[in-house]
Amino acid sequence: MMEEVQAKKNKKVIISVLDEFIEEPAVRKLHSARGALSEYADPALWGEEKSAWEKAVKEKQGDD
């Protein structure tokens, strides 16, 4: 982008050249993941959590 400079004779002019537009990084507000999906939680399934991984692996890989 070129800008036209309105300068008069015998007047000092300072020209600054920026090779890229520098923007302040956006400050992110940190949110805890804890409770983020609580609306989808099913309290009736909480008892099965301890064996869920083993059960999923057995279903996928077969019972050895």
PDB file of N, CA and C in Angstrom:
ATOM      1  N   MET A   1       0.850  -1.161   0.000  1.00  0.00           N
ATOM      2  CA  MET A   1       0.000   0.000   0.000  1.00  0.00           C
ATOM      3  C   MET A   1       0.899   1.228   0.000  1.00  0.00           C
ATOM      4  N   MET A   2       0.649   2.135  -0.894  1.00  0.00           N
ATOM      5  CA  MET A   2       1.426   3.374  -0.988  1.00  0.00           C
ATOM      6  C   MET A   2       0.583   4.528  -0.470  1.00  0.00           C
ATOM      7  N   GLU A   3       1.205   5.326   0.361  1.00  0.00           N
ATOM      8  CA  GLU A   3       0.530   6.517   0.861  1.00  0.00           C
ATOM      9  C   GLU A   3       1.209   7.742   0.290  1.00  0.00           C
ATOM     10  N   GLU A   4       0.444   8.691  -0.077  1.00  0.00           N
ATOM     11  CA  GLU A   4       0.990   9.922  -0.624  1.00  0.00           C
ATOM     12  C   GLU A   4       1.373  10.838   0.536  1.00  0.00           C
ATOM     13  N   VAL A   5       2.546  11.423   0.457  1.00  0.00           N
ATOM     14  CA  VAL A   5       3.041  12.296   1.507  1.00  0.00           C
ATOM     15  C   VAL A   5       2.916  13.742   1.054  1.00  0.00           C
ATOM     16  N   GLN A   6       2.291  14.536   1.884  1.00  0.00           N
ATOM     17  CA  GLN A   6       2.156  15.961   1.594  1.00  0.00           C
ATOM     18  C   GLN A   6       3.314  16.688   2.276  1.00  0.00           C
ATOM     19  N   ALA A   7       4.381  16.936   1.548  1.00  0.00           N
ATOM     20  CA  ALA A   7       5.559  17.597   2.096  1.00  0.00           C
ATOM     21  C   ALA A   7       5.849  18.875   1.323  1.00  0.00           C
ATOM     22  N   LYS A   8       6.332  19.842   2.058  1.00  0.00           N
ATOM     23  CA  LYS A   8       6.681  21.120   1.426  1.00  0.00           C
ATOM     24  C   LYS A   8       8.185  21.191   1.223  1.00  0.00           C
ATOM     25  N   LYS A   9       8.630  22.066   0.364  1.00  0.00           N
ATOM     26  CA  LYS A   9      10.052  22.240   0.084  1.00  0.00           C
ATOM     27  C   LYS A   9      10.801  22.610   1.354  1.00  0.00           C
ATOM     28  N   ASN A  10      12.040  22.081   1.444  1.00  0.00           N
ATOM     29  CA  ASN A  10      12.957  22.370   2.532  1.00  0.00           C
ATOM     30  C   ASN A  10      12.402  21.994   3.912  1.00  0.00           C
ATOM     31  N   LYS A  11      11.563  20.997   3.967  1.00  0.00           N
ATOM     32  CA  LYS A  11      11.021  20.522   5.238  1.00  0.00           C
ATOM     33  C   LYS A  11      11.520  19.097   5.441  1.00  0.00           C
ATOM     34  N   LYS A  12      11.976  18.781   6.659  1.00  0.00           N
ATOM     35  CA  LYS A  12      12.472  17.441   6.948  1.00  0.00           C
ATOM     36  C   LYS A  12      11.287  16.480   7.066  1.00  0.00           C
ATOM     37  N   VAL A  13      11.489  15.328   6.478  1.00  0.00           N
ATOM     38  CA  VAL A  13      10.449  14.307   6.495  1.00  0.00           C
ATOM     39  C   VAL A  13      11.070  13.002   6.992  1.00  0.00           C
ATOM     40  N   ILE A  14      10.397  12.360   7.904  1.00  0.00           N
ATOM     41  CA  ILE A  14      10.853  11.059   8.404  1.00  0.00           C
ATOM     42  C   ILE A  14       9.923   9.999   7.827  1.00  0.00           C
ATOM     43  N   ILE A  15      10.521   9.017   7.182  1.00  0.00           N
ATOM     44  CA  ILE A  15       9.743   7.935   6.580  1.00  0.00           C
ATOM     45  C   ILE A  15      10.133   6.634   7.267  1.00  0.00           C
ATOM     46  N   SER A  16       9.146   5.954   7.799  1.00  0.00           N
ATOM     47  CA  SER A  16       9.360   4.657   8.435  1.00  0.00           C
ATOM     48  C   SER A  16       8.787   3.580   7.536  1.00  0.00           C
ATOM     49  N   VAL A  17       9.577   2.542   7.319  1.00  0.00           N
ATOM     50  CA  VAL A  17       9.136   1.449   6.475  1.00  0.00           C
ATOM     51  C   VAL A  17       8.980   0.209   7.346  1.00  0.00           C
ATOM     52  N   LEU A  18       7.787  -0.353   7.338  1.00  0.00           N
ATOM     53  CA  LEU A  18       7.526  -1.594   8.065  1.00  0.00           C
ATOM     54  C   LEU A  18       7.349  -2.703   7.050  1.00  0.00           C
ATOM     55  N   ASP A  19       8.085  -3.783   7.225  1.00  0.00           N
ATOM     56  CA  ASP A  19       7.990  -4.853   6.247  1.00  0.00           C
ATOM     57  C   ASP A  19       6.774  -5.742   6.456  1.00  0.00           C
ATOM     58  N   GLU A  20       6.171  -5.668   7.627  1.00  0.00           N
ATOM     59  CA  GLU A  20       4.930  -6.398   7.839  1.00  0.00           C
ATOM     60  C   GLU A  20       4.163  -5.772   8.990  1.00  0.00           C
ATOM     61  N   PHE A  21       2.897  -6.000   8.992  1.00  0.00           N
ATOM     62  CA  PHE A  21       2.027  -5.462  10.019  1.00  0.00           C
ATOM     63  C   PHE A  21       2.192  -6.302  11.279  1.00  0.00           C
ATOM     64  N   ILE A  22       2.550  -5.673  12.366  1.00  0.00           N
ATOM     65  CA  ILE A  22       2.765  -6.386  13.620  1.00  0.00           C
ATOM     66  C   ILE A  22       1.542  -6.168  14.501  1.00  0.00           C
ATOM     67  N   GLU A  23       0.955  -7.276  14.906  1.00  0.00           N
ATOM     68  CA  GLU A  23      -0.251  -7.214  15.708  1.00  0.00           C
ATOM     69  C   GLU A  23       0.016  -7.857  17.061  1.00  0.00           C
ATOM     70  N   GLU A  24      -0.533  -7.267  18.092  1.00  0.00           N
ATOM     71  CA  GLU A  24      -0.380  -7.836  19.426  1.00  0.00           C
ATOM     72  C   GLU A  24      -1.076  -9.193  19.459  1.00  0.00           C
ATOM     73  N   PRO A  25      -0.433 -10.193  20.038  1.00  0.00           N
ATOM     74  CA  PRO A  25      -1.093 -11.500  20.121  1.00  0.00           C
ATOM     75  C   PRO A  25      -2.326 -11.411  21.016  1.00  0.00           C
ATOM     76  N   ALA A  26      -3.365 -12.081  20.604  1.00  0.00           N
ATOM     77  CA  ALA A  26      -4.600 -12.074  21.381  1.00  0.00           C
ATOM     78  C   ALA A  26      -4.368 -12.814  22.692  1.00  0.00           C
ATOM     79  N   VAL A  27      -4.844 -12.246  23.743  1.00  0.00           N
ATOM     80  CA  VAL A  27      -4.697 -12.871  25.056  1.00  0.00           C
ATOM     81  C   VAL A  27      -5.854 -13.846  25.222  1.00  0.00           C
ATOM     82  N   ARG A  28      -5.492 -15.097  25.402  1.00  0.00           N
ATOM     83  CA  ARG A  28      -6.515 -16.126  25.578  1.00  0.00           C
ATOM     84  C   ARG A  28      -6.829 -16.281  27.058  1.00  0.00           C
ATOM     85  N   LYS A  29      -8.070 -16.360  27.334  1.00  0.00           N
ATOM     86  CA  LYS A  29      -8.479 -16.630  28.697  1.00  0.00           C
ATOM     87  C   LYS A  29      -8.484 -18.144  28.857  1.00  0.00           C
ATOM     88  N   LEU A  30      -7.727 -18.630  29.812  1.00  0.00           N
ATOM     89  CA  LEU A  30      -7.626 -20.068  30.007  1.00  0.00           C
ATOM     90  C   LEU A  30      -8.883 -20.591  30.687  1.00  0.00           C
ATOM     91  N   HIS A  31      -9.408 -21.643  30.112  1.00  0.00           N
ATOM     92  CA  HIS A  31     -10.565 -22.300  30.684  1.00  0.00           C
ATOM     93  C   HIS A  31     -10.155 -23.697  31.096  1.00  0.00           C
ATOM     94  N   SER A  32     -10.696 -24.139  32.169  1.00  0.00           N
ATOM     95  CA  SER A  32     -10.408 -25.480  32.636  1.00  0.00           C
ATOM     96  C   SER A  32     -11.241 -26.478  31.839  1.00  0.00           C
ATOM     97  N   ALA A  33     -10.641 -27.583  31.475  1.00  0.00           N
ATOM     98  CA  ALA A  33     -11.373 -28.629  30.767  1.00  0.00           C
ATOM     99  C   ALA A  33     -12.273 -29.385  31.733  1.00  0.00           C
ATOM    100  N   ARG A  34     -11.953 -29.264  32.993  1.00  0.00           N
ATOM    101  CA  ARG A  34     -12.738 -29.951  34.019  1.00  0.00           C
ATOM    102  C   ARG A  34     -14.166 -29.416  34.005  1.00  0.00           C
ATOM    103  N   GLY A  35     -15.090 -30.268  33.782  1.00  0.00           N
ATOM    104  CA  GLY A  35     -16.491 -29.883  33.792  1.00  0.00           C
ATOM    105  C   GLY A  35     -17.008 -29.341  32.475  1.00  0.00           C
ATOM    106  N   ALA A  36     -16.152 -29.239  31.463  1.00  0.00           N
ATOM    107  CA  ALA A  36     -16.575 -28.671  30.182  1.00  0.00           C
ATOM    108  C   ALA A  36     -17.645 -29.524  29.506  1.00  0.00           C
ATOM    109  N   LEU A  37     -17.586 -30.828  29.713  1.00  0.00           N
ATOM    110  CA  LEU A  37     -18.556 -31.730  29.093  1.00  0.00           C
ATOM    111  C   LEU A  37     -19.526 -32.318  30.111  1.00  0.00           C
ATOM    112  N   SER A  38     -19.643 -31.672  31.250  1.00  0.00           N
ATOM    113  CA  SER A  38     -20.476 -32.218  32.332  1.00  0.00           C
ATOM    114  C   SER A  38     -21.943 -32.340  31.937  1.00  0.00           C
ATOM    115  N   GLU A  39     -22.392 -31.522  31.000  1.00  0.00           N
ATOM    116  CA  GLU A  39     -23.797 -31.613  30.588  1.00  0.00           C
ATOM    117  C   GLU A  39     -24.088 -32.924  29.862  1.00  0.00           C
ATOM    118  N   TYR A  40     -23.044 -33.576  29.339  1.00  0.00           N
ATOM    119  CA  TYR A  40     -23.220 -34.839  28.636  1.00  0.00           C
ATOM    120  C   TYR A  40     -22.959 -36.055  29.524  1.00  0.00           C
ATOM    121  N   ALA A  41     -22.558 -35.824  30.757  1.00  0.00           N
ATOM    122  CA  ALA A  41     -22.223 -36.921  31.664  1.00  0.00           C
ATOM    123  C   ALA A  41     -23.480 -37.688  32.058  1.00  0.00           C
ATOM    124  N   ASP A  42     -23.337 -38.992  32.148  1.00  0.00           N
ATOM    125  CA  ASP A  42     -24.441 -39.839  32.584  1.00  0.00           C
ATOM    126  C   ASP A  42     -24.034 -40.481  33.907  1.00  0.00           C
ATOM    127  N   PRO A  43     -24.556 -39.978  35.021  1.00  0.00           N
ATOM    128  CA  PRO A  43     -24.176 -40.510  36.338  1.00  0.00           C
ATOM    129  C   PRO A  43     -24.425 -42.014  36.473  1.00  0.00           C
ATOM    130  N   ALA A  44     -25.337 -42.556  35.708  1.00  0.00           N
ATOM    131  CA  ALA A  44     -25.621 -43.987  35.789  1.00  0.00           C
ATOM    132  C   ALA A  44     -24.446 -44.827  35.282  1.00  0.00           C
ATOM    133  N   LEU A  45     -23.575 -44.239  34.468  1.00  0.00           N
ATOM    134  CA  LEU A  45     -22.444 -44.982  33.897  1.00  0.00           C
ATOM    135  C   LEU A  45     -21.144 -44.794  34.673  1.00  0.00           C
ATOM    136  N   TRP A  46     -21.151 -43.978  35.702  1.00  0.00           N
ATOM    137  CA  TRP A  46     -19.922 -43.711  36.449  1.00  0.00           C
ATOM    138  C   TRP A  46     -19.307 -44.977  37.035  1.00  0.00           C
ATOM    139  N   GLY A  47     -20.129 -45.925  37.428  1.00  0.00           N
ATOM    140  CA  GLY A  47     -19.627 -47.170  38.008  1.00  0.00           C
ATOM    141  C   GLY A  47     -18.858 -48.013  37.015  1.00  0.00           C
ATOM    142  N   GLU A  48     -19.115 -47.854  35.738  1.00  0.00           N
ATOM    143  CA  GLU A  48     -18.449 -48.650  34.705  1.00  0.00           C
ATOM    144  C   GLU A  48     -17.137 -48.035  34.218  1.00  0.00           C
ATOM    145  N   GLU A  49     -16.782 -46.867  34.727  1.00  0.00           N
ATOM    146  CA  GLU A  49     -15.580 -46.175  34.241  1.00  0.00           C
ATOM    147  C   GLU A  49     -14.294 -46.955  34.476  1.00  0.00           C
ATOM    148  N   LYS A  50     -14.206 -47.657  35.587  1.00  0.00           N
ATOM    149  CA  LYS A  50     -12.961 -48.358  35.916  1.00  0.00           C
ATOM    150  C   LYS A  50     -12.636 -49.453  34.918  1.00  0.00           C
ATOM    151  N   SER A  51     -13.651 -50.087  34.358  1.00  0.00           N
ATOM    152  CA  SER A  51     -13.389 -51.189  33.430  1.00  0.00           C
ATOM    153  C   SER A  51     -13.665 -50.815  31.973  1.00  0.00           C
ATOM    154  N   ALA A  52     -13.944 -49.561  31.701  1.00  0.00           N
ATOM    155  CA  ALA A  52     -14.312 -49.142  30.340  1.00  0.00           C
ATOM    156  C   ALA A  52     -13.184 -49.373  29.334  1.00  0.00           C
ATOM    157  N   TRP A  53     -11.941 -49.080  29.712  1.00  0.00           N
ATOM    158  CA  TRP A  53     -10.821 -49.241  28.786  1.00  0.00           C
ATOM    159  C   TRP A  53     -10.617 -50.715  28.444  1.00  0.00           C
ATOM    160  N   GLU A  54     -10.619 -51.553  29.446  1.00  0.00           N
ATOM    161  CA  GLU A  54     -10.442 -52.997  29.213  1.00  0.00           C
ATOM    162  C   GLU A  54     -11.564 -53.537  28.329  1.00  0.00           C
ATOM    163  N   LYS A  55     -12.769 -53.116  28.589  1.00  0.00           N
ATOM    164  CA  LYS A  55     -13.924 -53.583  27.822  1.00  0.00           C
ATOM    165  C   LYS A  55     -13.819 -53.148  26.353  1.00  0.00           C
ATOM    166  N   ALA A  56     -13.408 -51.896  26.116  1.00  0.00           N
ATOM    167  CA  ALA A  56     -13.285 -51.384  24.749  1.00  0.00           C
ATOM    168  C   ALA A  56     -12.200 -52.125  23.977  1.00  0.00           C
ATOM    169  N   VAL A  57     -11.077 -52.419  24.624  1.00  0.00           N
ATOM    170  CA  VAL A  57      -9.983 -53.138  23.968  1.00  0.00           C
ATOM    171  C   VAL A  57     -10.410 -54.562  23.634  1.00  0.00           C
ATOM    172  N   LYS A  58     -11.106 -55.192  24.549  1.00  0.00           N
ATOM    173  CA  LYS A  58     -11.578 -56.569  24.299  1.00  0.00           C
ATOM    174  C   LYS A  58     -12.561 -56.597  23.136  1.00  0.00           C
ATOM    175  N   GLU A  59     -13.434 -55.600  23.064  1.00  0.00           N
ATOM    176  CA  GLU A  59     -14.415 -55.563  21.972  1.00  0.00           C
ATOM    177  C   GLU A  59     -13.716 -55.333  20.625  1.00  0.00           C
ATOM    178  N   LYS A  60     -12.707 -54.503  20.618  1.00  0.00           N
ATOM    179  CA  LYS A  60     -12.027 -54.176  19.369  1.00  0.00           C
ATOM    180  C   LYS A  60     -11.054 -55.275  18.931  1.00  0.00           C
ATOM    181  N   GLN A  61     -10.247 -55.786  19.870  1.00  0.00           N
ATOM    182  CA  GLN A  61      -9.183 -56.719  19.547  1.00  0.00           C
ATOM    183  C   GLN A  61      -9.594 -58.191  19.715  1.00  0.00           C
ATOM    184  N   GLY A  62     -10.676 -58.429  20.344  1.00  0.00           N
ATOM    185  CA  GLY A  62     -11.095 -59.811  20.589  1.00  0.00           C
ATOM    186  C   GLY A  62     -10.635 -60.264  21.955  1.00  0.00           C
ATOM    187  N   ASP A  63     -11.301 -61.235  22.481  1.00  0.00           N
ATOM    188  CA  ASP A  63     -11.001 -61.724  23.830  1.00  0.00           C
ATOM    189  C   ASP A  63      -9.866 -62.751  23.753  1.00  0.00           C
ATOM    190  N   ASP A  64      -8.741 -62.449  24.389  1.00  0.00           N
ATOM    191  CA  ASP A  64      -7.583 -63.363  24.357  1.00  0.00           C
ATOM    192  C   ASP A  64      -7.557 -64.221  25.573  1.00  0.00           C
TER     193      ASP A  64
END
